[in-house]
Amino acid sequence: MITKLLPSASYILFVVLGLGLILLASNLQSVPPPQPGEYHYPSFLRFNFTWITASLFAVVGGAIDFLFRPNPWLAGVSLVFIYPLTALYEATVYRGSHNLIPFELIIHFPYPL
């Protein structure tokens, strides 16, 4: 077991690991990189969330549970934190693009399940 890592540092590691899994899935599925313009990051993430990505997240989530023994909810939210983060980023950069941000965050909530 890896227990010497600080709990908060392990959750930051999970956020980076989740982004890496999405990039790995995009390479496996040959999803084109995001194009400049409005909604380019959320559409890139949406096209990457397939059964391959869900399987990668399930396997890595099981490995994380075995190695780190974290809080399952915090680990799951940390792994998929990139989805609400990109929505908040685009909402601040492109004013008026994400005008229903609370509902969008509610849609992202079931991803860790």
N, C-alpha and C. Protein backbone atom coordinates (compact mmCIF):
# COMPACT_ATOMS: atom_id res chain seq x y z
N MET A 1 0.83 -1.18 0.00
CA MET A 1 0.00 0.00 0.00
C MET A 1 0.88 1.25 0.00
N ILE A 2 0.42 2.23 -0.71
CA ILE A 2 1.12 3.51 -0.74
C ILE A 2 0.40 4.42 0.24
N THR A 3 0.96 4.57 1.41
CA THR A 3 0.30 5.38 2.44
C THR A 3 1.13 6.58 2.85
N LYS A 4 2.34 6.71 2.35
CA LYS A 4 3.19 7.81 2.76
C LYS A 4 2.84 9.12 2.06
N LEU A 5 2.05 9.06 0.99
CA LEU A 5 1.65 10.26 0.26
C LEU A 5 0.58 10.99 1.05
N LEU A 6 0.69 12.29 1.14
CA LEU A 6 -0.32 13.08 1.84
C LEU A 6 -1.66 12.94 1.14
N PRO A 7 -2.75 12.90 1.88
CA PRO A 7 -4.06 12.73 1.24
C PRO A 7 -4.39 13.82 0.23
N SER A 8 -4.10 15.06 0.55
CA SER A 8 -4.43 16.13 -0.40
C SER A 8 -3.56 16.04 -1.65
N ALA A 9 -2.31 15.64 -1.51
CA ALA A 9 -1.44 15.48 -2.67
C ALA A 9 -1.90 14.32 -3.54
N SER A 10 -2.45 13.28 -2.93
CA SER A 10 -2.92 12.16 -3.74
C SER A 10 -4.14 12.56 -4.56
N TYR A 11 -5.00 13.42 -4.05
CA TYR A 11 -6.16 13.85 -4.83
C TYR A 11 -5.73 14.76 -5.99
N ILE A 12 -4.70 15.55 -5.80
CA ILE A 12 -4.16 16.35 -6.90
C ILE A 12 -3.57 15.42 -7.96
N LEU A 13 -2.91 14.35 -7.52
CA LEU A 13 -2.39 13.35 -8.44
C LEU A 13 -3.53 12.69 -9.22
N PHE A 14 -4.68 12.47 -8.58
CA PHE A 14 -5.82 11.86 -9.26
C PHE A 14 -6.38 12.78 -10.34
N VAL A 15 -6.37 14.09 -10.10
CA VAL A 15 -6.84 15.04 -11.12
C VAL A 15 -5.95 14.96 -12.35
N VAL A 16 -4.65 14.95 -12.14
CA VAL A 16 -3.71 14.86 -13.27
C VAL A 16 -3.84 13.50 -13.96
N LEU A 17 -4.05 12.45 -13.19
CA LEU A 17 -4.23 11.13 -13.75
C LEU A 17 -5.51 11.05 -14.60
N GLY A 18 -6.57 11.69 -14.16
CA GLY A 18 -7.81 11.72 -14.94
C GLY A 18 -7.62 12.42 -16.27
N LEU A 19 -6.90 13.52 -16.28
CA LEU A 19 -6.61 14.21 -17.54
C LEU A 19 -5.75 13.33 -18.44
N GLY A 20 -4.78 12.65 -17.87
CA GLY A 20 -3.95 11.73 -18.66
C GLY A 20 -4.75 10.60 -19.26
N LEU A 21 -5.74 10.08 -18.51
CA LEU A 21 -6.59 9.02 -19.04
C LEU A 21 -7.42 9.51 -20.22
N ILE A 22 -7.91 10.73 -20.14
CA ILE A 22 -8.69 11.28 -21.25
C ILE A 22 -7.81 11.47 -22.48
N LEU A 23 -6.59 11.94 -22.28
CA LEU A 23 -5.67 12.09 -23.41
C LEU A 23 -5.28 10.73 -24.00
N LEU A 24 -5.10 9.73 -23.15
CA LEU A 24 -4.81 8.38 -23.63
C LEU A 24 -5.98 7.84 -24.43
N ALA A 25 -7.20 8.05 -23.93
CA ALA A 25 -8.38 7.58 -24.65
C ALA A 25 -8.53 8.29 -25.99
N SER A 26 -8.18 9.57 -26.05
CA SER A 26 -8.28 10.28 -27.33
C SER A 26 -7.28 9.73 -28.33
N ASN A 27 -6.10 9.32 -27.87
CA ASN A 27 -5.14 8.69 -28.78
C ASN A 27 -5.60 7.31 -29.21
N LEU A 28 -6.20 6.55 -28.31
CA LEU A 28 -6.69 5.21 -28.67
C LEU A 28 -7.85 5.28 -29.65
N GLN A 29 -8.69 6.30 -29.53
CA GLN A 29 -9.88 6.42 -30.36
C GLN A 29 -9.68 7.33 -31.56
N SER A 30 -8.51 7.91 -31.71
CA SER A 30 -8.18 8.83 -32.81
C SER A 30 -9.14 10.02 -32.88
N VAL A 31 -9.43 10.59 -31.73
CA VAL A 31 -10.27 11.79 -31.66
C VAL A 31 -9.39 12.98 -32.02
N PRO A 32 -9.83 13.83 -32.95
CA PRO A 32 -8.99 14.97 -33.32
C PRO A 32 -8.85 15.95 -32.16
N PRO A 33 -7.73 16.66 -32.11
CA PRO A 33 -7.53 17.64 -31.02
C PRO A 33 -8.53 18.78 -31.13
N PRO A 34 -8.74 19.50 -30.03
CA PRO A 34 -9.73 20.59 -30.06
C PRO A 34 -9.31 21.70 -31.02
N GLN A 35 -10.29 22.24 -31.71
CA GLN A 35 -10.07 23.34 -32.64
C GLN A 35 -10.32 24.66 -31.91
N PRO A 36 -9.66 25.73 -32.35
CA PRO A 36 -9.90 27.03 -31.70
C PRO A 36 -11.35 27.47 -31.85
N GLY A 37 -11.84 28.12 -30.83
CA GLY A 37 -13.19 28.64 -30.87
C GLY A 37 -13.96 28.27 -29.60
N GLU A 38 -15.20 28.68 -29.60
CA GLU A 38 -16.06 28.47 -28.45
C GLU A 38 -16.47 27.00 -28.35
N TYR A 39 -16.56 26.48 -27.14
CA TYR A 39 -16.95 25.10 -26.84
C TYR A 39 -15.96 24.07 -27.37
N HIS A 40 -14.71 24.41 -27.59
CA HIS A 40 -13.80 23.41 -28.13
C HIS A 40 -13.31 22.41 -27.08
N TYR A 41 -13.11 22.82 -25.86
CA TYR A 41 -12.68 21.85 -24.83
C TYR A 41 -13.82 20.94 -24.39
N PRO A 42 -15.02 21.46 -24.09
CA PRO A 42 -16.09 20.54 -23.70
C PRO A 42 -16.47 19.56 -24.80
N SER A 43 -16.43 20.00 -26.07
CA SER A 43 -16.76 19.05 -27.14
C SER A 43 -15.67 17.99 -27.27
N PHE A 44 -14.41 18.36 -27.07
CA PHE A 44 -13.33 17.38 -27.10
C PHE A 44 -13.52 16.35 -25.99
N LEU A 45 -13.87 16.80 -24.79
CA LEU A 45 -14.08 15.88 -23.68
C LEU A 45 -15.33 15.02 -23.89
N ARG A 46 -16.37 15.61 -24.47
CA ARG A 46 -17.60 14.86 -24.70
C ARG A 46 -17.38 13.74 -25.71
N PHE A 47 -16.61 14.00 -26.77
CA PHE A 47 -16.36 12.96 -27.78
C PHE A 47 -15.42 11.88 -27.26
N ASN A 48 -14.68 12.17 -26.21
CA ASN A 48 -13.78 11.18 -25.63
C ASN A 48 -14.45 10.29 -24.60
N PHE A 49 -15.61 10.64 -24.12
CA PHE A 49 -16.24 9.83 -23.07
C PHE A 49 -17.05 8.72 -23.72
N THR A 50 -16.39 7.60 -23.98
CA THR A 50 -17.03 6.42 -24.57
C THR A 50 -16.82 5.25 -23.63
N TRP A 51 -17.16 4.07 -24.07
CA TRP A 51 -16.99 2.88 -23.23
C TRP A 51 -15.51 2.61 -22.97
N ILE A 52 -14.63 2.99 -23.90
CA ILE A 52 -13.19 2.80 -23.69
C ILE A 52 -12.72 3.68 -22.54
N THR A 53 -13.14 4.93 -22.55
CA THR A 53 -12.76 5.86 -21.48
C THR A 53 -13.35 5.41 -20.14
N ALA A 54 -14.61 5.00 -20.15
CA ALA A 54 -15.23 4.53 -18.91
C ALA A 54 -14.52 3.30 -18.37
N SER A 55 -14.09 2.40 -19.26
CA SER A 55 -13.35 1.22 -18.82
C SER A 55 -12.00 1.60 -18.23
N LEU A 56 -11.31 2.55 -18.87
CA LEU A 56 -10.03 3.01 -18.33
C LEU A 56 -10.20 3.62 -16.94
N PHE A 57 -11.24 4.42 -16.77
CA PHE A 57 -11.50 5.04 -15.47
C PHE A 57 -11.85 3.98 -14.43
N ALA A 58 -12.59 2.94 -14.82
CA ALA A 58 -12.95 1.89 -13.87
C ALA A 58 -11.72 1.11 -13.41
N VAL A 59 -10.83 0.77 -14.35
CA VAL A 59 -9.63 0.03 -14.00
C VAL A 59 -8.71 0.87 -13.12
N VAL A 60 -8.51 2.12 -13.50
CA VAL A 60 -7.64 3.00 -12.71
C VAL A 60 -8.26 3.30 -11.35
N GLY A 61 -9.59 3.44 -11.30
CA GLY A 61 -10.26 3.65 -10.02
C GLY A 61 -10.07 2.47 -9.08
N GLY A 62 -10.14 1.24 -9.62
CA GLY A 62 -9.88 0.06 -8.80
C GLY A 62 -8.45 0.00 -8.31
N ALA A 63 -7.50 0.38 -9.18
CA ALA A 63 -6.10 0.39 -8.78
C ALA A 63 -5.85 1.46 -7.71
N ILE A 64 -6.48 2.61 -7.87
CA ILE A 64 -6.33 3.68 -6.87
C ILE A 64 -6.89 3.22 -5.53
N ASP A 65 -8.03 2.55 -5.55
CA ASP A 65 -8.62 2.07 -4.31
C ASP A 65 -7.70 1.05 -3.64
N PHE A 66 -7.09 0.18 -4.42
CA PHE A 66 -6.21 -0.83 -3.86
C PHE A 66 -4.92 -0.22 -3.30
N LEU A 67 -4.35 0.74 -4.02
CA LEU A 67 -3.06 1.29 -3.61
C LEU A 67 -3.15 2.37 -2.55
N PHE A 68 -4.13 3.27 -2.67
CA PHE A 68 -4.17 4.44 -1.81
C PHE A 68 -5.20 4.36 -0.69
N ARG A 69 -6.26 3.59 -0.87
CA ARG A 69 -7.37 3.53 0.08
C ARG A 69 -7.94 4.92 0.39
N PRO A 70 -8.28 5.70 -0.65
CA PRO A 70 -8.81 7.04 -0.40
C PRO A 70 -10.31 6.99 -0.13
N ASN A 71 -10.86 8.15 0.15
CA ASN A 71 -12.31 8.30 0.20
C ASN A 71 -12.83 8.08 -1.23
N PRO A 72 -13.73 7.12 -1.46
CA PRO A 72 -14.15 6.81 -2.83
C PRO A 72 -14.80 7.99 -3.55
N TRP A 73 -15.59 8.78 -2.84
CA TRP A 73 -16.24 9.92 -3.48
C TRP A 73 -15.23 10.98 -3.90
N LEU A 74 -14.30 11.29 -3.02
CA LEU A 74 -13.30 12.30 -3.36
C LEU A 74 -12.38 11.82 -4.48
N ALA A 75 -12.04 10.54 -4.48
CA ALA A 75 -11.20 10.01 -5.55
C ALA A 75 -11.93 10.05 -6.88
N GLY A 76 -13.21 9.68 -6.89
CA GLY A 76 -13.99 9.72 -8.13
C GLY A 76 -14.17 11.13 -8.66
N VAL A 77 -14.48 12.05 -7.78
CA VAL A 77 -14.63 13.45 -8.19
C VAL A 77 -13.30 14.00 -8.68
N SER A 78 -12.21 13.62 -8.05
CA SER A 78 -10.90 14.09 -8.48
C SER A 78 -10.54 13.57 -9.87
N LEU A 79 -10.90 12.33 -10.16
CA LEU A 79 -10.57 11.76 -11.46
C LEU A 79 -11.30 12.47 -12.60
N VAL A 80 -12.54 12.88 -12.36
CA VAL A 80 -13.32 13.51 -13.44
C VAL A 80 -13.46 15.02 -13.23
N PHE A 81 -12.61 15.60 -12.40
CA PHE A 81 -12.68 17.02 -12.10
C PHE A 81 -12.43 17.89 -13.33
N ILE A 82 -11.81 17.34 -14.35
CA ILE A 82 -11.49 18.11 -15.55
C ILE A 82 -12.78 18.54 -16.28
N TYR A 83 -13.86 17.77 -16.18
CA TYR A 83 -15.09 18.12 -16.86
C TYR A 83 -15.71 19.42 -16.32
N PRO A 84 -15.97 19.54 -15.01
CA PRO A 84 -16.50 20.82 -14.52
C PRO A 84 -15.47 21.95 -14.62
N LEU A 85 -14.19 21.62 -14.53
CA LEU A 85 -13.16 22.64 -14.64
C LEU A 85 -13.16 23.29 -16.02
N THR A 86 -13.31 22.49 -17.07
CA THR A 86 -13.36 23.08 -18.42
C THR A 86 -14.62 23.89 -18.62
N ALA A 87 -15.73 23.45 -18.04
CA ALA A 87 -16.97 24.23 -18.16
C ALA A 87 -16.81 25.59 -17.47
N LEU A 88 -16.21 25.60 -16.29
CA LEU A 88 -16.00 26.87 -15.59
C LEU A 88 -14.99 27.75 -16.33
N TYR A 89 -13.96 27.14 -16.92
CA TYR A 89 -12.98 27.91 -17.69
C TYR A 89 -13.65 28.58 -18.88
N GLU A 90 -14.42 27.84 -19.65
CA GLU A 90 -15.06 28.43 -20.82
C GLU A 90 -16.14 29.44 -20.44
N ALA A 91 -16.76 29.25 -19.27
CA ALA A 91 -17.76 30.21 -18.83
C ALA A 91 -17.12 31.55 -18.50
N THR A 92 -15.87 31.53 -18.04
CA THR A 92 -15.21 32.80 -17.74
C THR A 92 -14.57 33.41 -18.97
N VAL A 93 -14.07 32.60 -19.88
CA VAL A 93 -13.41 33.13 -21.09
C VAL A 93 -14.44 33.63 -22.10
N TYR A 94 -15.46 32.82 -22.37
CA TYR A 94 -16.50 33.18 -23.33
C TYR A 94 -17.77 33.51 -22.54
N ARG A 95 -17.92 34.76 -22.21
CA ARG A 95 -19.08 35.20 -21.41
C ARG A 95 -20.38 34.88 -22.16
N GLY A 96 -21.31 34.28 -21.45
CA GLY A 96 -22.60 33.96 -22.03
C GLY A 96 -22.65 32.60 -22.71
N SER A 97 -21.52 31.90 -22.79
CA SER A 97 -21.53 30.61 -23.47
C SER A 97 -22.13 29.51 -22.59
N HIS A 98 -21.83 29.53 -21.33
CA HIS A 98 -22.35 28.54 -20.38
C HIS A 98 -23.26 29.27 -19.39
N ASN A 99 -24.43 29.65 -19.83
CA ASN A 99 -25.29 30.44 -18.95
C ASN A 99 -26.14 29.58 -18.02
N LEU A 100 -26.04 28.27 -18.10
CA LEU A 100 -26.74 27.38 -17.17
C LEU A 100 -25.72 26.52 -16.42
N ILE A 101 -24.68 27.15 -15.92
CA ILE A 101 -23.56 26.43 -15.32
C ILE A 101 -23.96 25.56 -14.13
N PRO A 102 -24.90 25.94 -13.26
CA PRO A 102 -25.26 25.02 -12.17
C PRO A 102 -25.85 23.71 -12.68
N PHE A 103 -26.66 23.78 -13.73
CA PHE A 103 -27.24 22.55 -14.28
C PHE A 103 -26.16 21.71 -14.98
N GLU A 104 -25.20 22.37 -15.59
CA GLU A 104 -24.11 21.64 -16.22
C GLU A 104 -23.26 20.91 -15.18
N LEU A 105 -23.05 21.54 -14.04
CA LEU A 105 -22.30 20.87 -12.98
C LEU A 105 -23.09 19.70 -12.40
N ILE A 106 -24.40 19.81 -12.37
CA ILE A 106 -25.24 18.68 -11.92
C ILE A 106 -25.14 17.53 -12.90
N ILE A 107 -25.02 17.82 -14.19
CA ILE A 107 -24.86 16.78 -15.20
C ILE A 107 -23.52 16.07 -15.02
N HIS A 108 -22.49 16.78 -14.61
CA HIS A 108 -21.17 16.17 -14.43
C HIS A 108 -21.09 15.36 -13.13
N PHE A 109 -22.02 15.54 -12.22
CA PHE A 109 -21.95 14.85 -10.93
C PHE A 109 -21.99 13.32 -11.05
N PRO A 110 -22.81 12.71 -11.92
CA PRO A 110 -22.85 11.24 -11.97
C PRO A 110 -21.61 10.59 -12.58
N TYR A 111 -20.72 11.34 -13.21
CA TYR A 111 -19.54 10.74 -13.83
C TYR A 111 -18.70 9.93 -12.84
N PRO A 112 -18.49 10.37 -11.62
CA PRO A 112 -17.66 9.55 -10.71
C PRO A 112 -18.31 8.22 -10.32
N LEU A 113 -19.61 8.12 -10.49
CA LEU A 113 -20.28 6.88 -10.10
C LEU A 113 -19.80 5.75 -10.97
